[in-house]
Amino acid sequence: MSATPLHDLWEASASQPFQPTVGKDAQLQIGFTLLFLGLIFAGLFGLNNSLKNVPLYGIPASLAFGFGAVYMICAVGVYV
């Protein structure tokens, strides 16, 4: 029985465990910071509501809320 390319890849990666970019200990702080920045940007967007402010405040607010929510959910132990 010959080894398949997938099996060879599996064996080659066994000595290199996965290291995430953001560690478990930093997820709560990053999530809280992103949610706070999202709140600030959303507030600024609400105060200056015009079409020209969408790329300036609206898009960063939605990205910060989205990523912040995922980081916060992962930090408290609910995996998505």
PDB file of N, CA and C in Angstrom:
ATOM      1  N   MET A   1       0.847  -1.171   0.000  1.00  0.00           N
ATOM      2  CA  MET A   1       0.000   0.000   0.000  1.00  0.00           C
ATOM      3  C   MET A   1       0.892   1.233   0.000  1.00  0.00           C
ATOM      4  N   SER A   2       0.737   2.102  -0.993  1.00  0.00           N
ATOM      5  CA  SER A   2       1.573   3.300  -1.091  1.00  0.00           C
ATOM      6  C   SER A   2       0.896   4.478  -0.393  1.00  0.00           C
ATOM      7  N   ALA A   3       1.712   5.374   0.095  1.00  0.00           N
ATOM      8  CA  ALA A   3       1.203   6.549   0.793  1.00  0.00           C
ATOM      9  C   ALA A   3       0.667   7.560  -0.223  1.00  0.00           C
ATOM     10  N   THR A   4      -0.414   8.207   0.139  1.00  0.00           N
ATOM     11  CA  THR A   4      -1.009   9.216  -0.729  1.00  0.00           C
ATOM     12  C   THR A   4      -0.360  10.566  -0.440  1.00  0.00           C
ATOM     13  N   PRO A   5      -0.483  11.521  -1.366  1.00  0.00           N
ATOM     14  CA  PRO A   5       0.078  12.855  -1.110  1.00  0.00           C
ATOM     15  C   PRO A   5      -0.527  13.512   0.147  1.00  0.00           C
ATOM     16  N   LEU A   6      -1.804  13.257   0.407  1.00  0.00           N
ATOM     17  CA  LEU A   6      -2.430  13.821   1.597  1.00  0.00           C
ATOM     18  C   LEU A   6      -1.822  13.215   2.863  1.00  0.00           C
ATOM     19  N   HIS A   7      -1.557  11.922   2.837  1.00  0.00           N
ATOM     20  CA  HIS A   7      -0.931  11.269   3.986  1.00  0.00           C
ATOM     21  C   HIS A   7       0.486  11.790   4.192  1.00  0.00           C
ATOM     22  N   ASP A   8       1.216  12.007   3.098  1.00  0.00           N
ATOM     23  CA  ASP A   8       2.564  12.569   3.203  1.00  0.00           C
ATOM     24  C   ASP A   8       2.531  13.969   3.811  1.00  0.00           C
ATOM     25  N   LEU A   9       1.557  14.767   3.411  1.00  0.00           N
ATOM     26  CA  LEU A   9       1.410  16.109   3.976  1.00  0.00           C
ATOM     27  C   LEU A   9       1.075  16.050   5.459  1.00  0.00           C
ATOM     28  N   TRP A  10       0.210  15.113   5.825  1.00  0.00           N
ATOM     29  CA  TRP A  10      -0.160  14.921   7.229  1.00  0.00           C
ATOM     30  C   TRP A  10       1.066  14.562   8.078  1.00  0.00           C
ATOM     31  N   GLU A  11       1.857  13.658   7.594  1.00  0.00           N
ATOM     32  CA  GLU A  11       3.056  13.239   8.322  1.00  0.00           C
ATOM     33  C   GLU A  11       4.093  14.363   8.398  1.00  0.00           C
ATOM     34  N   ALA A  12       4.227  15.153   7.342  1.00  0.00           N
ATOM     35  CA  ALA A  12       5.203  16.235   7.334  1.00  0.00           C
ATOM     36  C   ALA A  12       4.803  17.357   8.298  1.00  0.00           C
ATOM     37  N   SER A  13       3.516  17.576   8.473  1.00  0.00           N
ATOM     38  CA  SER A  13       3.070  18.664   9.343  1.00  0.00           C
ATOM     39  C   SER A  13       2.931  18.233  10.802  1.00  0.00           C
ATOM     40  N   ALA A  14       3.158  16.992  11.117  1.00  0.00           N
ATOM     41  CA  ALA A  14       3.010  16.508  12.490  1.00  0.00           C
ATOM     42  C   ALA A  14       4.008  17.153  13.434  1.00  0.00           C
ATOM     43  N   SER A  15       5.160  17.545  12.931  1.00  0.00           N
ATOM     44  CA  SER A  15       6.177  18.156  13.792  1.00  0.00           C
ATOM     45  C   SER A  15       6.008  19.664  13.920  1.00  0.00           C
ATOM     46  N   GLN A  16       5.027  20.243  13.234  1.00  0.00           N
ATOM     47  CA  GLN A  16       4.786  21.681  13.273  1.00  0.00           C
ATOM     48  C   GLN A  16       3.361  21.947  13.745  1.00  0.00           C
ATOM     49  N   PRO A  17       3.133  22.039  15.051  1.00  0.00           N
ATOM     50  CA  PRO A  17       1.767  22.269  15.528  1.00  0.00           C
ATOM     51  C   PRO A  17       1.260  23.662  15.133  1.00  0.00           C
ATOM     52  N   PHE A  18      -0.035  23.798  15.049  1.00  0.00           N
ATOM     53  CA  PHE A  18      -0.667  25.056  14.665  1.00  0.00           C
ATOM     54  C   PHE A  18      -0.469  26.111  15.749  1.00  0.00           C
ATOM     55  N   GLN A  19      -0.002  27.277  15.361  1.00  0.00           N
ATOM     56  CA  GLN A  19       0.154  28.409  16.267  1.00  0.00           C
ATOM     57  C   GLN A  19      -0.721  29.545  15.738  1.00  0.00           C
ATOM     58  N   PRO A  20      -1.786  29.903  16.438  1.00  0.00           N
ATOM     59  CA  PRO A  20      -2.660  30.968  15.938  1.00  0.00           C
ATOM     60  C   PRO A  20      -1.965  32.332  15.983  1.00  0.00           C
ATOM     61  N   THR A  21      -2.412  33.227  15.109  1.00  0.00           N
ATOM     62  CA  THR A  21      -1.849  34.566  15.067  1.00  0.00           C
ATOM     63  C   THR A  21      -2.140  35.324  16.358  1.00  0.00           C
ATOM     64  N   VAL A  22      -3.378  35.191  16.847  1.00  0.00           N
ATOM     65  CA  VAL A  22      -3.788  35.827  18.098  1.00  0.00           C
ATOM     66  C   VAL A  22      -4.024  34.723  19.113  1.00  0.00           C
ATOM     67  N   GLY A  23      -3.269  34.758  20.189  1.00  0.00           N
ATOM     68  CA  GLY A  23      -3.377  33.727  21.212  1.00  0.00           C
ATOM     69  C   GLY A  23      -4.663  33.841  22.016  1.00  0.00           C
ATOM     70  N   LYS A  24      -4.987  32.772  22.720  1.00  0.00           N
ATOM     71  CA  LYS A  24      -6.209  32.723  23.522  1.00  0.00           C
ATOM     72  C   LYS A  24      -6.225  33.802  24.602  1.00  0.00           C
ATOM     73  N   ASP A  25      -5.068  34.118  25.166  1.00  0.00           N
ATOM     74  CA  ASP A  25      -5.005  35.104  26.243  1.00  0.00           C
ATOM     75  C   ASP A  25      -5.267  36.524  25.758  1.00  0.00           C
ATOM     76  N   ALA A  26      -5.052  36.809  24.486  1.00  0.00           N
ATOM     77  CA  ALA A  26      -5.220  38.169  23.964  1.00  0.00           C
ATOM     78  C   ALA A  26      -6.581  38.402  23.325  1.00  0.00           C
ATOM     79  N   GLN A  27      -7.400  37.364  23.171  1.00  0.00           N
ATOM     80  CA  GLN A  27      -8.663  37.516  22.458  1.00  0.00           C
ATOM     81  C   GLN A  27      -9.643  38.437  23.174  1.00  0.00           C
ATOM     82  N   LEU A  28      -9.699  38.382  24.486  1.00  0.00           N
ATOM     83  CA  LEU A  28     -10.631  39.225  25.232  1.00  0.00           C
ATOM     84  C   LEU A  28     -10.271  40.695  25.069  1.00  0.00           C
ATOM     85  N   GLN A  29      -9.001  41.025  25.189  1.00  0.00           N
ATOM     86  CA  GLN A  29      -8.569  42.411  25.059  1.00  0.00           C
ATOM     87  C   GLN A  29      -8.793  42.934  23.642  1.00  0.00           C
ATOM     88  N   ILE A  30      -8.475  42.134  22.648  1.00  0.00           N
ATOM     89  CA  ILE A  30      -8.672  42.557  21.260  1.00  0.00           C
ATOM     90  C   ILE A  30     -10.160  42.697  20.953  1.00  0.00           C
ATOM     91  N   GLY A  31     -10.968  41.754  21.419  1.00  0.00           N
ATOM     92  CA  GLY A  31     -12.409  41.834  21.198  1.00  0.00           C
ATOM     93  C   GLY A  31     -13.012  43.067  21.842  1.00  0.00           C
ATOM     94  N   PHE A  32     -12.632  43.354  23.084  1.00  0.00           N
ATOM     95  CA  PHE A  32     -13.156  44.528  23.770  1.00  0.00           C
ATOM     96  C   PHE A  32     -12.726  45.809  23.064  1.00  0.00           C
ATOM     97  N   THR A  33     -11.461  45.869  22.636  1.00  0.00           N
ATOM     98  CA  THR A  33     -10.959  47.052  21.941  1.00  0.00           C
ATOM     99  C   THR A  33     -11.691  47.276  20.625  1.00  0.00           C
ATOM    100  N   LEU A  34     -11.900  46.209  19.859  1.00  0.00           N
ATOM    101  CA  LEU A  34     -12.612  46.345  18.587  1.00  0.00           C
ATOM    102  C   LEU A  34     -14.067  46.751  18.797  1.00  0.00           C
ATOM    103  N   LEU A  35     -14.732  46.192  19.799  1.00  0.00           N
ATOM    104  CA  LEU A  35     -16.107  46.591  20.074  1.00  0.00           C
ATOM    105  C   LEU A  35     -16.180  48.055  20.517  1.00  0.00           C
ATOM    106  N   PHE A  36     -15.225  48.496  21.311  1.00  0.00           N
ATOM    107  CA  PHE A  36     -15.191  49.888  21.744  1.00  0.00           C
ATOM    108  C   PHE A  36     -14.957  50.819  20.555  1.00  0.00           C
ATOM    109  N   LEU A  37     -14.014  50.462  19.674  1.00  0.00           N
ATOM    110  CA  LEU A  37     -13.780  51.266  18.471  1.00  0.00           C
ATOM    111  C   LEU A  37     -15.006  51.272  17.566  1.00  0.00           C
ATOM    112  N   GLY A  38     -15.691  50.142  17.467  1.00  0.00           N
ATOM    113  CA  GLY A  38     -16.921  50.089  16.683  1.00  0.00           C
ATOM    114  C   GLY A  38     -17.982  51.018  17.243  1.00  0.00           C
ATOM    115  N   LEU A  39     -18.084  51.083  18.551  1.00  0.00           N
ATOM    116  CA  LEU A  39     -19.042  51.977  19.191  1.00  0.00           C
ATOM    117  C   LEU A  39     -18.691  53.438  18.918  1.00  0.00           C
ATOM    118  N   ILE A  40     -17.417  53.774  18.996  1.00  0.00           N
ATOM    119  CA  ILE A  40     -16.974  55.144  18.707  1.00  0.00           C
ATOM    120  C   ILE A  40     -17.281  55.516  17.259  1.00  0.00           C
ATOM    121  N   PHE A  41     -16.897  54.659  16.315  1.00  0.00           N
ATOM    122  CA  PHE A  41     -17.137  54.949  14.900  1.00  0.00           C
ATOM    123  C   PHE A  41     -18.632  55.005  14.584  1.00  0.00           C
ATOM    124  N   ALA A  42     -19.419  54.123  15.196  1.00  0.00           N
ATOM    125  CA  ALA A  42     -20.864  54.151  14.962  1.00  0.00           C
ATOM    126  C   ALA A  42     -21.473  55.436  15.516  1.00  0.00           C
ATOM    127  N   GLY A  43     -20.987  55.892  16.661  1.00  0.00           N
ATOM    128  CA  GLY A  43     -21.473  57.154  17.209  1.00  0.00           C
ATOM    129  C   GLY A  43     -21.116  58.334  16.325  1.00  0.00           C
ATOM    130  N   LEU A  44     -19.892  58.355  15.832  1.00  0.00           N
ATOM    131  CA  LEU A  44     -19.491  59.432  14.919  1.00  0.00           C
ATOM    132  C   LEU A  44     -20.295  59.387  13.627  1.00  0.00           C
ATOM    133  N   PHE A  45     -20.564  58.199  13.138  1.00  0.00           N
ATOM    134  CA  PHE A  45     -21.359  58.068  11.923  1.00  0.00           C
ATOM    135  C   PHE A  45     -22.792  58.531  12.168  1.00  0.00           C
ATOM    136  N   GLY A  46     -23.342  58.228  13.343  1.00  0.00           N
ATOM    137  CA  GLY A  46     -24.692  58.669  13.661  1.00  0.00           C
ATOM    138  C   GLY A  46     -24.795  60.170  13.803  1.00  0.00           C
ATOM    139  N   LEU A  47     -23.747  60.799  14.328  1.00  0.00           N
ATOM    140  CA  LEU A  47     -23.762  62.255  14.479  1.00  0.00           C
ATOM    141  C   LEU A  47     -23.549  62.974  13.157  1.00  0.00           C
ATOM    142  N   ASN A  48     -22.769  62.388  12.265  1.00  0.00           N
ATOM    143  CA  ASN A  48     -22.451  63.003  10.968  1.00  0.00           C
ATOM    144  C   ASN A  48     -23.002  62.153   9.843  1.00  0.00           C
ATOM    145  N   ASN A  49     -24.283  61.910   9.848  1.00  0.00           N
ATOM    146  CA  ASN A  49     -24.893  60.982   8.905  1.00  0.00           C
ATOM    147  C   ASN A  49     -25.001  61.595   7.513  1.00  0.00           C
ATOM    148  N   SER A  50     -24.091  61.230   6.647  1.00  0.00           N
ATOM    149  CA  SER A  50     -24.169  61.609   5.237  1.00  0.00           C
ATOM    150  C   SER A  50     -23.489  60.515   4.424  1.00  0.00           C
ATOM    151  N   LEU A  51     -23.728  60.540   3.138  1.00  0.00           N
ATOM    152  CA  LEU A  51     -23.198  59.487   2.275  1.00  0.00           C
ATOM    153  C   LEU A  51     -21.671  59.515   2.199  1.00  0.00           C
ATOM    154  N   LYS A  52     -21.068  60.689   2.343  1.00  0.00           N
ATOM    155  CA  LYS A  52     -19.602  60.764   2.271  1.00  0.00           C
ATOM    156  C   LYS A  52     -18.933  60.172   3.507  1.00  0.00           C
ATOM    157  N   ASN A  53     -19.672  60.014   4.606  1.00  0.00           N
ATOM    158  CA  ASN A  53     -19.098  59.470   5.831  1.00  0.00           C
ATOM    159  C   ASN A  53     -19.206  57.951   5.934  1.00  0.00           C
ATOM    160  N   VAL A  54     -19.832  57.319   4.962  1.00  0.00           N
ATOM    161  CA  VAL A  54     -19.943  55.856   4.996  1.00  0.00           C
ATOM    162  C   VAL A  54     -18.567  55.195   4.942  1.00  0.00           C
ATOM    163  N   PRO A  55     -17.687  55.560   3.991  1.00  0.00           N
ATOM    164  CA  PRO A  55     -16.370  54.908   4.012  1.00  0.00           C
ATOM    165  C   PRO A  55     -15.491  55.372   5.174  1.00  0.00           C
ATOM    166  N   LEU A  56     -15.756  56.556   5.699  1.00  0.00           N
ATOM    167  CA  LEU A  56     -14.928  57.095   6.764  1.00  0.00           C
ATOM    168  C   LEU A  56     -15.302  56.526   8.129  1.00  0.00           C
ATOM    169  N   TYR A  57     -16.605  56.387   8.409  1.00  0.00           N
ATOM    170  CA  TYR A  57     -17.055  55.914   9.720  1.00  0.00           C
ATOM    171  C   TYR A  57     -17.864  54.616   9.658  1.00  0.00           C
ATOM    172  N   GLY A  58     -18.705  54.470   8.668  1.00  0.00           N
ATOM    173  CA  GLY A  58     -19.632  53.331   8.611  1.00  0.00           C
ATOM    174  C   GLY A  58     -18.950  51.996   8.378  1.00  0.00           C
ATOM    175  N   ILE A  59     -18.063  51.934   7.420  1.00  0.00           N
ATOM    176  CA  ILE A  59     -17.377  50.668   7.110  1.00  0.00           C
ATOM    177  C   ILE A  59     -16.439  50.251   8.238  1.00  0.00           C
ATOM    178  N   PRO A  60     -15.601  51.164   8.787  1.00  0.00           N
ATOM    179  CA  PRO A  60     -14.779  50.738   9.933  1.00  0.00           C
ATOM    180  C   PRO A  60     -15.616  50.322  11.145  1.00  0.00           C
ATOM    181  N   ALA A  61     -16.756  50.976  11.356  1.00  0.00           N
ATOM    182  CA  ALA A  61     -17.615  50.601  12.483  1.00  0.00           C
ATOM    183  C   ALA A  61     -18.155  49.196  12.311  1.00  0.00           C
ATOM    184  N   SER A  62     -18.619  48.870  11.120  1.00  0.00           N
ATOM    185  CA  SER A  62     -19.180  47.537  10.908  1.00  0.00           C
ATOM    186  C   SER A  62     -18.108  46.456  10.971  1.00  0.00           C
ATOM    187  N   LEU A  63     -16.922  46.728  10.438  1.00  0.00           N
ATOM    188  CA  LEU A  63     -15.834  45.755  10.524  1.00  0.00           C
ATOM    189  C   LEU A  63     -15.376  45.549  11.968  1.00  0.00           C
ATOM    190  N   ALA A  64     -15.259  46.649  12.715  1.00  0.00           N
ATOM    191  CA  ALA A  64     -14.835  46.537  14.108  1.00  0.00           C
ATOM    192  C   ALA A  64     -15.870  45.776  14.931  1.00  0.00           C
ATOM    193  N   PHE A  65     -17.160  46.049  14.717  1.00  0.00           N
ATOM    194  CA  PHE A  65     -18.206  45.315  15.428  1.00  0.00           C
ATOM    195  C   PHE A  65     -18.191  43.836  15.060  1.00  0.00           C
ATOM    196  N   GLY A  66     -18.035  43.545  13.778  1.00  0.00           N
ATOM    197  CA  GLY A  66     -18.055  42.151  13.331  1.00  0.00           C
ATOM    198  C   GLY A  66     -16.901  41.338  13.891  1.00  0.00           C
ATOM    199  N   PHE A  67     -15.688  41.828  13.700  1.00  0.00           N
ATOM    200  CA  PHE A  67     -14.527  41.105  14.206  1.00  0.00           C
ATOM    201  C   PHE A  67     -14.466  41.130  15.727  1.00  0.00           C
ATOM    202  N   GLY A  68     -14.869  42.244  16.329  1.00  0.00           N
ATOM    203  CA  GLY A  68     -14.883  42.327  17.783  1.00  0.00           C
ATOM    204  C   GLY A  68     -15.847  41.342  18.404  1.00  0.00           C
ATOM    205  N   ALA A  69     -17.015  41.171  17.773  1.00  0.00           N
ATOM    206  CA  ALA A  69     -17.994  40.207  18.292  1.00  0.00           C
ATOM    207  C   ALA A  69     -17.460  38.787  18.201  1.00  0.00           C
ATOM    208  N   VAL A  70     -16.807  38.446  17.108  1.00  0.00           N
ATOM    209  CA  VAL A  70     -16.258  37.090  16.961  1.00  0.00           C
ATOM    210  C   VAL A  70     -15.150  36.850  17.977  1.00  0.00           C
ATOM    211  N   TYR A  71     -14.254  37.825  18.142  1.00  0.00           N
ATOM    212  CA  TYR A  71     -13.185  37.669  19.136  1.00  0.00           C
ATOM    213  C   TYR A  71     -13.752  37.555  20.543  1.00  0.00           C
ATOM    214  N   MET A  72     -14.771  38.349  20.856  1.00  0.00           N
ATOM    215  CA  MET A  72     -15.351  38.303  22.196  1.00  0.00           C
ATOM    216  C   MET A  72     -16.063  36.972  22.426  1.00  0.00           C
ATOM    217  N   ILE A  73     -16.761  36.461  21.426  1.00  0.00           N
ATOM    218  CA  ILE A  73     -17.433  35.169  21.560  1.00  0.00           C
ATOM    219  C   ILE A  73     -16.408  34.061  21.772  1.00  0.00           C
ATOM    220  N   CYS A  74     -15.314  34.100  21.019  1.00  0.00           N
ATOM    221  CA  CYS A  74     -14.269  33.080  21.190  1.00  0.00           C
ATOM    222  C   CYS A  74     -13.554  33.224  22.532  1.00  0.00           C
ATOM    223  N   ALA A  75     -13.410  34.453  23.014  1.00  0.00           N
ATOM    224  CA  ALA A  75     -12.700  34.676  24.274  1.00  0.00           C
ATOM    225  C   ALA A  75     -13.460  34.122  25.464  1.00  0.00           C
ATOM    226  N   VAL A  76     -14.783  34.131  25.401  1.00  0.00           N
ATOM    227  CA  VAL A  76     -15.555  33.642  26.538  1.00  0.00           C
ATOM    228  C   VAL A  76     -15.881  32.151  26.414  1.00  0.00           C
ATOM    229  N   GLY A  77     -15.438  31.524  25.334  1.00  0.00           N
ATOM    230  CA  GLY A  77     -15.561  30.071  25.251  1.00  0.00           C
ATOM    231  C   GLY A  77     -16.676  29.558  24.372  1.00  0.00           C
ATOM    232  N   VAL A  78     -17.344  30.407  23.642  1.00  0.00           N
ATOM    233  CA  VAL A  78     -18.385  29.973  22.712  1.00  0.00           C
ATOM    234  C   VAL A  78     -17.754  29.975  21.332  1.00  0.00           C
ATOM    235  N   TYR A  79     -17.533  28.803  20.759  1.00  0.00           N
ATOM    236  CA  TYR A  79     -16.838  28.716  19.498  1.00  0.00           C
ATOM    237  C   TYR A  79     -17.809  28.714  18.332  1.00  0.00           C
ATOM    238  N   VAL A  80     -17.522  29.564  17.354  1.00  0.00           N
ATOM    239  CA  VAL A  80     -18.363  29.669  16.159  1.00  0.00           C
ATOM    240  C   VAL A  80     -17.676  29.056  14.979  1.00  0.00           C
TER     241      VAL A  80
END
